[in-house]
């Protein structure tokens, strides 16, 4: 299955695409900070961040590990995602 990633939280939005087969998935996302945290430094330094990832998935959730490229830095990340509603 192939699809789109559309999501966000109180500080960031995420846009991307993925492909999956046999319980595994891989893809890429663009992460952008939309609301700076007051009095705290952003984990990505305010940069628009490209993220490549791979991991396991079901129809309702996903686990991923990836590399985020923020400016001149490379950051490792891990995340658990859950489908909130179908588009």
Protein backbone atom coordinates (compact mmCIF):
# COMPACT_ATOMS: atom_id res chain seq x y z
CA UNK A 1 0.00 0.00 0.00
CA UNK A 2 1.20 3.52 -0.73
CA UNK A 3 -0.08 6.64 0.95
CA UNK A 4 0.36 10.13 2.33
CA UNK A 5 1.35 11.34 5.77
CA UNK A 6 -0.54 14.40 6.99
CA UNK A 7 -0.29 15.33 10.63
CA UNK A 8 1.04 17.54 13.31
CA UNK A 9 0.97 18.59 16.91
CA UNK A 10 1.09 21.77 19.00
CA UNK A 11 4.40 22.86 17.44
CA UNK A 12 5.01 21.02 14.13
CA UNK A 13 3.23 19.81 11.03
CA UNK A 14 4.32 16.79 8.97
CA UNK A 15 3.78 16.09 5.27
CA UNK A 16 5.08 13.05 3.44
CA UNK A 17 4.59 9.84 1.54
CA UNK A 18 5.27 6.16 2.14
CA UNK A 19 5.11 2.71 0.63
CA UNK A 20 4.42 -0.49 2.55
CA UNK A 21 4.30 -4.24 2.06
CA UNK A 22 4.25 -7.27 4.36
CA UNK A 23 4.10 -5.26 7.59
CA UNK A 24 7.07 -3.01 6.73
CA UNK A 25 7.07 0.56 5.49
CA UNK A 26 9.47 3.26 4.34
CA UNK A 27 9.08 6.83 3.27
CA UNK A 28 9.98 10.44 3.68
CA UNK A 29 8.48 13.41 5.48
CA UNK A 30 8.92 17.14 5.60
CA UNK A 31 8.66 18.59 9.11
CA UNK A 32 8.11 22.31 9.74
CA UNK A 33 7.73 24.17 13.01
CA UNK A 34 4.55 26.30 12.93
CA UNK A 35 4.55 27.56 16.55
CA UNK A 36 7.82 28.17 18.42
CA UNK A 37 7.89 26.93 22.02
CA UNK A 38 8.20 29.91 24.36
CA UNK A 39 11.43 29.94 26.34
CA UNK A 40 12.72 26.69 24.82
CA UNK A 41 15.00 25.81 21.92
CA UNK A 42 13.47 23.88 19.04
CA UNK A 43 14.77 20.34 18.63
CA UNK A 44 15.27 21.09 14.92
CA UNK A 45 16.51 24.67 15.36
CA UNK A 46 13.59 26.17 13.43
CA UNK A 47 14.72 24.53 10.16
CA UNK A 48 12.43 22.85 7.68
CA UNK A 49 13.52 19.24 8.15
CA UNK A 50 13.60 16.31 5.73
CA UNK A 51 13.19 12.89 7.34
CA UNK A 52 13.79 9.49 5.75
CA UNK A 53 12.44 6.50 7.69
CA UNK A 54 11.62 2.79 7.76
CA UNK A 55 9.92 0.48 10.22
CA UNK A 56 6.92 -1.75 10.88
CA UNK A 57 3.24 -0.98 10.26
CA UNK A 58 -0.35 -2.16 10.45
CA UNK A 59 -3.50 -0.58 9.00
CA UNK A 60 -3.93 1.46 12.21
CA UNK A 61 -0.39 2.26 13.43
CA UNK A 62 3.29 2.43 12.63
CA UNK A 63 6.68 2.34 14.30
CA UNK A 64 9.58 4.06 12.62
CA UNK A 65 13.25 4.90 12.92
CA UNK A 66 14.85 7.50 10.72
CA UNK A 67 17.33 10.27 10.11
CA UNK A 68 16.31 13.93 10.17
CA UNK A 69 18.44 16.44 8.26
CA UNK A 70 18.21 19.80 10.07
CA UNK A 71 20.52 22.41 8.61
CA UNK A 72 23.99 20.83 8.77
CA UNK A 73 23.00 18.33 11.48
CA UNK A 74 21.79 14.75 11.15
CA UNK A 75 19.56 13.56 13.99
CA UNK A 76 18.36 10.01 14.66
CA UNK A 77 14.75 9.64 15.64
CA UNK A 78 12.17 7.02 16.56
CA UNK A 79 8.40 7.43 16.66
CA UNK A 80 5.13 5.59 17.22
CA UNK A 81 2.24 6.75 15.03
CA UNK A 82 -1.47 6.05 15.37
CA UNK A 83 -4.21 6.68 12.80
CA UNK A 84 -6.66 9.20 14.26
CA UNK A 85 -9.18 9.21 11.40
CA UNK A 86 -9.35 8.26 7.76
CA UNK A 87 -9.15 11.08 5.21
